[in-house]
Amino acid sequence: MAIRLVITFAATTGKGGELAAAMRERCADVRKEPGCVQFEAFQSVDDPDRIVLLEHWADQAALDAHMKVNATRPPMREGLRQGMGEREDYTYNRTR
């Protein structure tokens, strides 16, 4: 079953553009992973320090493999974001 993740990050005040740029680089790498259908970051128009990451994985096995690879990646540059973010997991069922 496909998995959809929605992760919301708060950038450090005034650093939304820098965090969005760093996320674009990370997204390009992750999209190459097997089972990755979507991995994109969006910067809020209303609050530029709010970033939402949309992930779509073919199945739980692909997400599990991604989590293992992700644990080996260097962290984002210090001072770009506040906290760890908020993650929501959904089963993905196309409605149209």
PDB file of N, CA and C in Angstrom:
ATOM      1  N   MET A   1       0.841  -1.179   0.000  1.00  0.00           N
ATOM      2  CA  MET A   1       0.000   0.000   0.000  1.00  0.00           C
ATOM      3  C   MET A   1       0.886   1.242   0.000  1.00  0.00           C
ATOM      4  N   ALA A   2       0.550   2.208  -0.835  1.00  0.00           N
ATOM      5  CA  ALA A   2       1.325   3.445  -0.944  1.00  0.00           C
ATOM      6  C   ALA A   2       1.183   4.270   0.334  1.00  0.00           C
ATOM      7  N   ILE A   3       2.240   5.017   0.647  1.00  0.00           N
ATOM      8  CA  ILE A   3       2.296   5.846   1.852  1.00  0.00           C
ATOM      9  C   ILE A   3       2.533   7.295   1.447  1.00  0.00           C
ATOM     10  N   ARG A   4       1.780   8.202   2.066  1.00  0.00           N
ATOM     11  CA  ARG A   4       1.954   9.645   1.868  1.00  0.00           C
ATOM     12  C   ARG A   4       2.377  10.238   3.201  1.00  0.00           C
ATOM     13  N   LEU A   5       3.455  11.013   3.198  1.00  0.00           N
ATOM     14  CA  LEU A   5       3.885  11.749   4.384  1.00  0.00           C
ATOM     15  C   LEU A   5       3.742  13.237   4.112  1.00  0.00           C
ATOM     16  N   VAL A   6       3.289  13.968   5.107  1.00  0.00           N
ATOM     17  CA  VAL A   6       3.217  15.426   5.064  1.00  0.00           C
ATOM     18  C   VAL A   6       4.002  15.910   6.279  1.00  0.00           C
ATOM     19  N   ILE A   7       5.096  16.598   6.031  1.00  0.00           N
ATOM     20  CA  ILE A   7       5.969  17.055   7.115  1.00  0.00           C
ATOM     21  C   ILE A   7       6.072  18.568   7.035  1.00  0.00           C
ATOM     22  N   THR A   8       5.792  19.228   8.143  1.00  0.00           N
ATOM     23  CA  THR A   8       5.821  20.685   8.205  1.00  0.00           C
ATOM     24  C   THR A   8       6.994  21.122   9.060  1.00  0.00           C
ATOM     25  N   PHE A   9       7.807  22.030   8.516  1.00  0.00           N
ATOM     26  CA  PHE A   9       8.970  22.570   9.215  1.00  0.00           C
ATOM     27  C   PHE A   9       8.792  24.064   9.432  1.00  0.00           C
ATOM     28  N   ALA A  10       9.304  24.538  10.530  1.00  0.00           N
ATOM     29  CA  ALA A  10       9.387  25.980  10.769  1.00  0.00           C
ATOM     30  C   ALA A  10      10.854  26.375  10.641  1.00  0.00           C
ATOM     31  N   ALA A  11      11.123  27.258   9.708  1.00  0.00           N
ATOM     32  CA  ALA A  11      12.489  27.767   9.562  1.00  0.00           C
ATOM     33  C   ALA A  11      12.777  28.748  10.690  1.00  0.00           C
ATOM     34  N   THR A  12      14.032  28.892  11.009  1.00  0.00           N
ATOM     35  CA  THR A  12      14.427  29.959  11.910  1.00  0.00           C
ATOM     36  C   THR A  12      13.976  31.265  11.265  1.00  0.00           C
ATOM     37  N   THR A  13      13.512  32.198  12.060  1.00  0.00           N
ATOM     38  CA  THR A  13      12.960  33.451  11.537  1.00  0.00           C
ATOM     39  C   THR A  13      13.882  34.064  10.482  1.00  0.00           C
ATOM     40  N   GLY A  14      13.305  34.289   9.294  1.00  0.00           N
ATOM     41  CA  GLY A  14      14.044  34.903   8.199  1.00  0.00           C
ATOM     42  C   GLY A  14      14.878  33.942   7.366  1.00  0.00           C
ATOM     43  N   LYS A  15      14.869  32.658   7.713  1.00  0.00           N
ATOM     44  CA  LYS A  15      15.712  31.674   7.006  1.00  0.00           C
ATOM     45  C   LYS A  15      14.914  30.747   6.095  1.00  0.00           C
ATOM     46  N   GLY A  16      13.642  31.078   5.831  1.00  0.00           N
ATOM     47  CA  GLY A  16      12.812  30.209   5.009  1.00  0.00           C
ATOM     48  C   GLY A  16      13.375  29.960   3.622  1.00  0.00           C
ATOM     49  N   GLY A  17      13.896  30.997   2.998  1.00  0.00           N
ATOM     50  CA  GLY A  17      14.480  30.839   1.664  1.00  0.00           C
ATOM     51  C   GLY A  17      15.690  29.919   1.667  1.00  0.00           C
ATOM     52  N   GLU A  18      16.530  30.056   2.679  1.00  0.00           N
ATOM     53  CA  GLU A  18      17.712  29.190   2.789  1.00  0.00           C
ATOM     54  C   GLU A  18      17.321  27.742   3.054  1.00  0.00           C
ATOM     55  N   LEU A  19      16.315  27.545   3.930  1.00  0.00           N
ATOM     56  CA  LEU A  19      15.866  26.186   4.210  1.00  0.00           C
ATOM     57  C   LEU A  19      15.233  25.571   2.966  1.00  0.00           C
ATOM     58  N   ALA A  20      14.434  26.334   2.240  1.00  0.00           N
ATOM     59  CA  ALA A  20      13.812  25.829   1.014  1.00  0.00           C
ATOM     60  C   ALA A  20      14.876  25.427  -0.008  1.00  0.00           C
ATOM     61  N   ALA A  21      15.933  26.225  -0.132  1.00  0.00           N
ATOM     62  CA  ALA A  21      17.023  25.896  -1.065  1.00  0.00           C
ATOM     63  C   ALA A  21      17.732  24.613  -0.641  1.00  0.00           C
ATOM     64  N   ALA A  22      17.992  24.471   0.648  1.00  0.00           N
ATOM     65  CA  ALA A  22      18.648  23.255   1.148  1.00  0.00           C
ATOM     66  C   ALA A  22      17.749  22.043   0.926  1.00  0.00           C
ATOM     67  N   MET A  23      16.450  22.216   1.117  1.00  0.00           N
ATOM     68  CA  MET A  23      15.516  21.116   0.904  1.00  0.00           C
ATOM     69  C   MET A  23      15.449  20.719  -0.576  1.00  0.00           C
ATOM     70  N   ARG A  24      15.542  21.679  -1.490  1.00  0.00           N
ATOM     71  CA  ARG A  24      15.522  21.353  -2.932  1.00  0.00           C
ATOM     72  C   ARG A  24      16.670  20.413  -3.280  1.00  0.00           C
ATOM     73  N   GLU A  25      17.853  20.681  -2.742  1.00  0.00           N
ATOM     74  CA  GLU A  25      19.006  19.809  -2.997  1.00  0.00           C
ATOM     75  C   GLU A  25      18.753  18.412  -2.445  1.00  0.00           C
ATOM     76  N   ARG A  26      18.251  18.348  -1.226  1.00  0.00           N
ATOM     77  CA  ARG A  26      17.961  17.054  -0.596  1.00  0.00           C
ATOM     78  C   ARG A  26      16.900  16.310  -1.392  1.00  0.00           C
ATOM     79  N   CYS A  27      15.872  17.021  -1.837  1.00  0.00           N
ATOM     80  CA  CYS A  27      14.786  16.392  -2.595  1.00  0.00           C
ATOM     81  C   CYS A  27      15.300  15.738  -3.866  1.00  0.00           C
ATOM     82  N   ALA A  28      16.195  16.408  -4.552  1.00  0.00           N
ATOM     83  CA  ALA A  28      16.740  15.858  -5.802  1.00  0.00           C
ATOM     84  C   ALA A  28      17.433  14.526  -5.548  1.00  0.00           C
ATOM     85  N   ASP A  29      18.149  14.407  -4.447  1.00  0.00           N
ATOM     86  CA  ASP A  29      18.824  13.147  -4.101  1.00  0.00           C
ATOM     87  C   ASP A  29      17.812  12.058  -3.745  1.00  0.00           C
ATOM     88  N   VAL A  30      16.848  12.400  -2.922  1.00  0.00           N
ATOM     89  CA  VAL A  30      15.886  11.406  -2.443  1.00  0.00           C
ATOM     90  C   VAL A  30      15.023  10.870  -3.582  1.00  0.00           C
ATOM     91  N   ARG A  31      14.668  11.722  -4.544  1.00  0.00           N
ATOM     92  CA  ARG A  31      13.815  11.271  -5.654  1.00  0.00           C
ATOM     93  C   ARG A  31      14.469  10.154  -6.468  1.00  0.00           C
ATOM     94  N   LYS A  32      15.757   9.963  -6.341  1.00  0.00           N
ATOM     95  CA  LYS A  32      16.464   8.891  -7.056  1.00  0.00           C
ATOM     96  C   LYS A  32      16.316   7.536  -6.359  1.00  0.00           C
ATOM     97  N   GLU A  33      15.792   7.522  -5.141  1.00  0.00           N
ATOM     98  CA  GLU A  33      15.677   6.280  -4.378  1.00  0.00           C
ATOM     99  C   GLU A  33      14.562   5.398  -4.929  1.00  0.00           C
ATOM    100  N   PRO A  34      14.768   4.076  -4.915  1.00  0.00           N
ATOM    101  CA  PRO A  34      13.719   3.162  -5.378  1.00  0.00           C
ATOM    102  C   PRO A  34      12.438   3.332  -4.563  1.00  0.00           C
ATOM    103  N   GLY A  35      11.318   3.374  -5.249  1.00  0.00           N
ATOM    104  CA  GLY A  35      10.027   3.464  -4.578  1.00  0.00           C
ATOM    105  C   GLY A  35       9.582   4.869  -4.239  1.00  0.00           C
ATOM    106  N   CYS A  36      10.410   5.873  -4.555  1.00  0.00           N
ATOM    107  CA  CYS A  36      10.028   7.259  -4.293  1.00  0.00           C
ATOM    108  C   CYS A  36       9.199   7.758  -5.472  1.00  0.00           C
ATOM    109  N   VAL A  37       7.947   8.095  -5.195  1.00  0.00           N
ATOM    110  CA  VAL A  37       7.047   8.616  -6.220  1.00  0.00           C
ATOM    111  C   VAL A  37       7.073  10.144  -6.204  1.00  0.00           C
ATOM    112  N   GLN A  38       7.157  10.721  -5.012  1.00  0.00           N
ATOM    113  CA  GLN A  38       7.219  12.181  -4.870  1.00  0.00           C
ATOM    114  C   GLN A  38       8.010  12.514  -3.608  1.00  0.00           C
ATOM    115  N   PHE A  39       8.824  13.544  -3.708  1.00  0.00           N
ATOM    116  CA  PHE A  39       9.555  14.084  -2.558  1.00  0.00           C
ATOM    117  C   PHE A  39       9.836  15.540  -2.911  1.00  0.00           C
ATOM    118  N   GLU A  40       8.936  16.430  -2.478  1.00  0.00           N
ATOM    119  CA  GLU A  40       9.017  17.835  -2.853  1.00  0.00           C
ATOM    120  C   GLU A  40       8.765  18.729  -1.651  1.00  0.00           C
ATOM    121  N   ALA A  41       9.513  19.834  -1.604  1.00  0.00           N
ATOM    122  CA  ALA A  41       9.336  20.833  -0.550  1.00  0.00           C
ATOM    123  C   ALA A  41       8.640  22.058  -1.128  1.00  0.00           C
ATOM    124  N   PHE A  42       7.729  22.614  -0.347  1.00  0.00           N
ATOM    125  CA  PHE A  42       6.977  23.794  -0.738  1.00  0.00           C
ATOM    126  C   PHE A  42       7.133  24.860   0.335  1.00  0.00           C
ATOM    127  N   GLN A  43       7.383  26.087  -0.094  1.00  0.00           N
ATOM    128  CA  GLN A  43       7.506  27.220   0.822  1.00  0.00           C
ATOM    129  C   GLN A  43       6.191  27.984   0.813  1.00  0.00           C
ATOM    130  N   SER A  44       5.659  28.256   1.993  1.00  0.00           N
ATOM    131  CA  SER A  44       4.382  28.955   2.112  1.00  0.00           C
ATOM    132  C   SER A  44       4.457  30.353   1.514  1.00  0.00           C
ATOM    133  N   VAL A  45       3.419  30.737   0.800  1.00  0.00           N
ATOM    134  CA  VAL A  45       3.304  32.088   0.264  1.00  0.00           C
ATOM    135  C   VAL A  45       2.984  33.063   1.396  1.00  0.00           C
ATOM    136  N   ASP A  46       2.145  32.626   2.331  1.00  0.00           N
ATOM    137  CA  ASP A  46       1.729  33.490   3.435  1.00  0.00           C
ATOM    138  C   ASP A  46       2.774  33.625   4.534  1.00  0.00           C
ATOM    139  N   ASP A  47       3.558  32.576   4.747  1.00  0.00           N
ATOM    140  CA  ASP A  47       4.592  32.574   5.789  1.00  0.00           C
ATOM    141  C   ASP A  47       5.848  31.933   5.220  1.00  0.00           C
ATOM    142  N   PRO A  48       6.770  32.709   4.666  1.00  0.00           N
ATOM    143  CA  PRO A  48       7.946  32.155   3.995  1.00  0.00           C
ATOM    144  C   PRO A  48       8.856  31.317   4.895  1.00  0.00           C
ATOM    145  N   ASP A  49       8.631  31.371   6.204  1.00  0.00           N
ATOM    146  CA  ASP A  49       9.427  30.554   7.117  1.00  0.00           C
ATOM    147  C   ASP A  49       8.749  29.219   7.430  1.00  0.00           C
ATOM    148  N   ARG A  50       7.717  28.891   6.665  1.00  0.00           N
ATOM    149  CA  ARG A  50       7.018  27.610   6.828  1.00  0.00           C
ATOM    150  C   ARG A  50       7.245  26.783   5.560  1.00  0.00           C
ATOM    151  N   ILE A  51       7.773  25.589   5.741  1.00  0.00           N
ATOM    152  CA  ILE A  51       8.079  24.678   4.637  1.00  0.00           C
ATOM    153  C   ILE A  51       7.283  23.393   4.849  1.00  0.00           C
ATOM    154  N   VAL A  52       6.648  22.902   3.789  1.00  0.00           N
ATOM    155  CA  VAL A  52       5.934  21.631   3.849  1.00  0.00           C
ATOM    156  C   VAL A  52       6.601  20.669   2.872  1.00  0.00           C
ATOM    157  N   LEU A  53       6.919  19.498   3.368  1.00  0.00           N
ATOM    158  CA  LEU A  53       7.528  18.448   2.564  1.00  0.00           C
ATOM    159  C   LEU A  53       6.467  17.395   2.282  1.00  0.00           C
ATOM    160  N   LEU A  54       6.219  17.114   1.000  1.00  0.00           N
ATOM    161  CA  LEU A  54       5.289  16.064   0.596  1.00  0.00           C
ATOM    162  C   LEU A  54       6.082  14.873   0.083  1.00  0.00           C
ATOM    163  N   GLU A  55       5.850  13.731   0.701  1.00  0.00           N
ATOM    164  CA  GLU A  55       6.508  12.492   0.293  1.00  0.00           C
ATOM    165  C   GLU A  55       5.439  11.490  -0.121  1.00  0.00           C
ATOM    166  N   HIS A  56       5.722  10.734  -1.155  1.00  0.00           N
ATOM    167  CA  HIS A  56       4.831   9.656  -1.600  1.00  0.00           C
ATOM    168  C   HIS A  56       5.738   8.474  -1.910  1.00  0.00           C
ATOM    169  N   TRP A  57       5.518   7.377  -1.189  1.00  0.00           N
ATOM    170  CA  TRP A  57       6.328   6.171  -1.334  1.00  0.00           C
ATOM    171  C   TRP A  57       5.451   5.035  -1.852  1.00  0.00           C
ATOM    172  N   ALA A  58       6.014   4.209  -2.700  1.00  0.00           N
ATOM    173  CA  ALA A  58       5.265   3.115  -3.321  1.00  0.00           C
ATOM    174  C   ALA A  58       4.688   2.159  -2.281  1.00  0.00           C
ATOM    175  N   ASP A  59       5.449   1.936  -1.208  1.00  0.00           N
ATOM    176  CA  ASP A  59       4.988   1.022  -0.157  1.00  0.00           C
ATOM    177  C   ASP A  59       5.827   1.226   1.096  1.00  0.00           C
ATOM    178  N   GLN A  60       5.460   0.512   2.152  1.00  0.00           N
ATOM    179  CA  GLN A  60       6.162   0.657   3.426  1.00  0.00           C
ATOM    180  C   GLN A  60       7.622   0.236   3.316  1.00  0.00           C
ATOM    181  N   ALA A  61       7.910  -0.777   2.508  1.00  0.00           N
ATOM    182  CA  ALA A  61       9.291  -1.242   2.342  1.00  0.00           C
ATOM    183  C   ALA A  61      10.174  -0.128   1.755  1.00  0.00           C
ATOM    184  N   ALA A  62       9.641   0.606   0.779  1.00  0.00           N
ATOM    185  CA  ALA A  62      10.402   1.715   0.188  1.00  0.00           C
ATOM    186  C   ALA A  62      10.638   2.811   1.211  1.00  0.00           C
ATOM    187  N   LEU A  63       9.633   3.118   2.022  1.00  0.00           N
ATOM    188  CA  LEU A  63       9.802   4.134   3.075  1.00  0.00           C
ATOM    189  C   LEU A  63      10.810   3.668   4.114  1.00  0.00           C
ATOM    190  N   ASP A  64      10.750   2.405   4.496  1.00  0.00           N
ATOM    191  CA  ASP A  64      11.709   1.868   5.467  1.00  0.00           C
ATOM    192  C   ASP A  64      13.141   1.964   4.931  1.00  0.00           C
ATOM    193  N   ALA A  65      13.328   1.630   3.643  1.00  0.00           N
ATOM    194  CA  ALA A  65      14.661   1.729   3.035  1.00  0.00           C
ATOM    195  C   ALA A  65      15.124   3.186   3.020  1.00  0.00           C
ATOM    196  N   HIS A  66      14.209   4.103   2.705  1.00  0.00           N
ATOM    197  CA  HIS A  66      14.549   5.532   2.712  1.00  0.00           C
ATOM    198  C   HIS A  66      14.994   5.977   4.106  1.00  0.00           C
ATOM    199  N   MET A  67      14.299   5.542   5.126  1.00  0.00           N
ATOM    200  CA  MET A  67      14.643   5.945   6.491  1.00  0.00           C
ATOM    201  C   MET A  67      16.055   5.480   6.860  1.00  0.00           C
ATOM    202  N   LYS A  68      16.440   4.310   6.397  1.00  0.00           N
ATOM    203  CA  LYS A  68      17.803   3.814   6.655  1.00  0.00           C
ATOM    204  C   LYS A  68      18.828   4.684   5.940  1.00  0.00           C
ATOM    205  N   VAL A  69      18.567   5.006   4.673  1.00  0.00           N
ATOM    206  CA  VAL A  69      19.479   5.868   3.909  1.00  0.00           C
ATOM    207  C   VAL A  69      19.521   7.262   4.533  1.00  0.00           C
ATOM    208  N   ASN A  70      18.357   7.768   4.920  1.00  0.00           N
ATOM    209  CA  ASN A  70      18.264   9.113   5.482  1.00  0.00           C
ATOM    210  C   ASN A  70      19.092   9.249   6.757  1.00  0.00           C
ATOM    211  N   ALA A  71      19.177   8.171   7.530  1.00  0.00           N
ATOM    212  CA  ALA A  71      19.950   8.195   8.777  1.00  0.00           C
ATOM    213  C   ALA A  71      21.444   8.385   8.514  1.00  0.00           C
ATOM    214  N   THR A  72      21.882   8.132   7.284  1.00  0.00           N
ATOM    215  CA  THR A  72      23.304   8.281   6.958  1.00  0.00           C
ATOM    216  C   THR A  72      23.629   9.637   6.343  1.00  0.00           C
ATOM    217  N   ARG A  73      22.602  10.413   6.015  1.00  0.00           N
ATOM    218  CA  ARG A  73      22.821  11.731   5.406  1.00  0.00           C
ATOM    219  C   ARG A  73      23.255  12.740   6.470  1.00  0.00           C
ATOM    220  N   PRO A  74      24.062  13.710   6.072  1.00  0.00           N
ATOM    221  CA  PRO A  74      24.407  14.767   7.028  1.00  0.00           C
ATOM    222  C   PRO A  74      23.172  15.598   7.355  1.00  0.00           C
ATOM    223  N   PRO A  75      23.070  16.091   8.566  1.00  0.00           N
ATOM    224  CA  PRO A  75      21.909  16.912   8.926  1.00  0.00           C
ATOM    225  C   PRO A  75      21.919  18.238   8.168  1.00  0.00           C
ATOM    226  N   MET A  76      20.760  18.880   8.145  1.00  0.00           N
ATOM    227  CA  MET A  76      20.678  20.227   7.568  1.00  0.00           C
ATOM    228  C   MET A  76      21.603  21.153   8.346  1.00  0.00           C
ATOM    229  N   ARG A  77      22.057  22.178   7.663  1.00  0.00           N
ATOM    230  CA  ARG A  77      22.953  23.143   8.306  1.00  0.00           C
ATOM    231  C   ARG A  77      22.303  23.694   9.574  1.00  0.00           C
ATOM    232  N   GLU A  78      23.080  23.764  10.616  1.00  0.00           N
ATOM    233  CA  GLU A  78      22.624  24.280  11.913  1.00  0.00           C
ATOM    234  C   GLU A  78      22.061  25.685  11.762  1.00  0.00           C
ATOM    235  N   GLY A  79      20.954  25.943  12.438  1.00  0.00           N
ATOM    236  CA  GLY A  79      20.375  27.270  12.460  1.00  0.00           C
ATOM    237  C   GLY A  79      19.354  27.561  11.374  1.00  0.00           C
ATOM    238  N   LEU A  80      19.054  26.571  10.515  1.00  0.00           N
ATOM    239  CA  LEU A  80      18.074  26.801   9.446  1.00  0.00           C
ATOM    240  C   LEU A  80      16.646  26.558   9.893  1.00  0.00           C
ATOM    241  N   ARG A  81      16.453  25.624  10.803  1.00  0.00           N
ATOM    242  CA  ARG A  81      15.076  25.319  11.199  1.00  0.00           C
ATOM    243  C   ARG A  81      14.918  25.229  12.708  1.00  0.00           C
ATOM    244  N   GLN A  82      13.677  25.391  13.118  1.00  0.00           N
ATOM    245  CA  GLN A  82      13.335  25.298  14.533  1.00  0.00           C
ATOM    246  C   GLN A  82      12.713  23.925  14.782  1.00  0.00           C
ATOM    247  N   GLY A  83      13.250  23.192  15.697  1.00  0.00           N
ATOM    248  CA  GLY A  83      12.683  21.895  16.062  1.00  0.00           C
ATOM    249  C   GLY A  83      12.820  20.852  14.976  1.00  0.00           C
ATOM    250  N   MET A  84      12.085  19.759  15.161  1.00  0.00           N
ATOM    251  CA  MET A  84      12.175  18.622  14.240  1.00  0.00           C
ATOM    252  C   MET A  84      11.062  18.607  13.200  1.00  0.00           C
ATOM    253  N   GLY A  85      10.070  19.428  13.351  1.00  0.00           N
ATOM    254  CA  GLY A  85       8.960  19.422  12.419  1.00  0.00           C
ATOM    255  C   GLY A  85       7.856  18.498  12.887  1.00  0.00           C
ATOM    256  N   GLU A  86       6.749  18.535  12.170  1.00  0.00           N
ATOM    257  CA  GLU A  86       5.579  17.720  12.495  1.00  0.00           C
ATOM    258  C   GLU A  86       5.287  16.802  11.319  1.00  0.00           C
ATOM    259  N   ARG A  87       5.186  15.504  11.588  1.00  0.00           N
ATOM    260  CA  ARG A  87       4.993  14.505  10.532  1.00  0.00           C
ATOM    261  C   ARG A  87       3.613  13.868  10.651  1.00  0.00           C
ATOM    262  N   GLU A  88       2.933  13.757   9.507  1.00  0.00           N
ATOM    263  CA  GLU A  88       1.655  13.053   9.419  1.00  0.00           C
ATOM    264  C   GLU A  88       1.796  11.958   8.367  1.00  0.00           C
ATOM    265  N   ASP A  89       1.361  10.753   8.681  1.00  0.00           N
ATOM    266  CA  ASP A  89       1.428   9.618   7.761  1.00  0.00           C
ATOM    267  C   ASP A  89       0.014   9.255   7.305  1.00  0.00           C
ATOM    268  N   TYR A  90      -0.114   8.980   6.018  1.00  0.00           N
ATOM    269  CA  TYR A  90      -1.405   8.609   5.443  1.00  0.00           C
ATOM    270  C   TYR A  90      -1.204   7.425   4.509  1.00  0.00           C
ATOM    271  N   THR A  91      -2.210   6.576   4.400  1.00  0.00           N
ATOM    272  CA  THR A  91      -2.199   5.623   3.300  1.00  0.00           C
ATOM    273  C   THR A  91      -2.645   6.415   2.084  1.00  0.00           C
ATOM    274  N   TYR A  92      -2.088   6.096   0.943  1.00  0.00           N
ATOM    275  CA  TYR A  92      -2.376   6.862  -0.258  1.00  0.00           C
ATOM    276  C   TYR A  92      -3.362   6.094  -1.129  1.00  0.00           C
ATOM    277  N   ASN A  93      -4.524   6.664  -1.319  1.00  0.00           N
ATOM    278  CA  ASN A  93      -5.547   6.107  -2.195  1.00  0.00           C
ATOM    279  C   ASN A  93      -5.978   7.195  -3.164  1.00  0.00           C
ATOM    280  N   ARG A  94      -5.605   7.067  -4.396  1.00  0.00           N
ATOM    281  CA  ARG A  94      -5.948   8.082  -5.388  1.00  0.00           C
ATOM    282  C   ARG A  94      -7.463   8.198  -5.502  1.00  0.00           C
ATOM    283  N   THR A  95      -7.949   9.436  -5.470  1.00  0.00           N
ATOM    284  CA  THR A  95      -9.395   9.654  -5.487  1.00  0.00           C
ATOM    285  C   THR A  95      -9.912  10.142  -6.828  1.00  0.00           C
ATOM    286  N   ARG A  96      -9.057  10.430  -7.764  1.00  0.00           N
ATOM    287  CA  ARG A  96      -9.526  10.837  -9.085  1.00  0.00           C
ATOM    288  C   ARG A  96      -8.644  10.273 -10.158  1.00  0.00           C
TER     289      ARG A  96
END
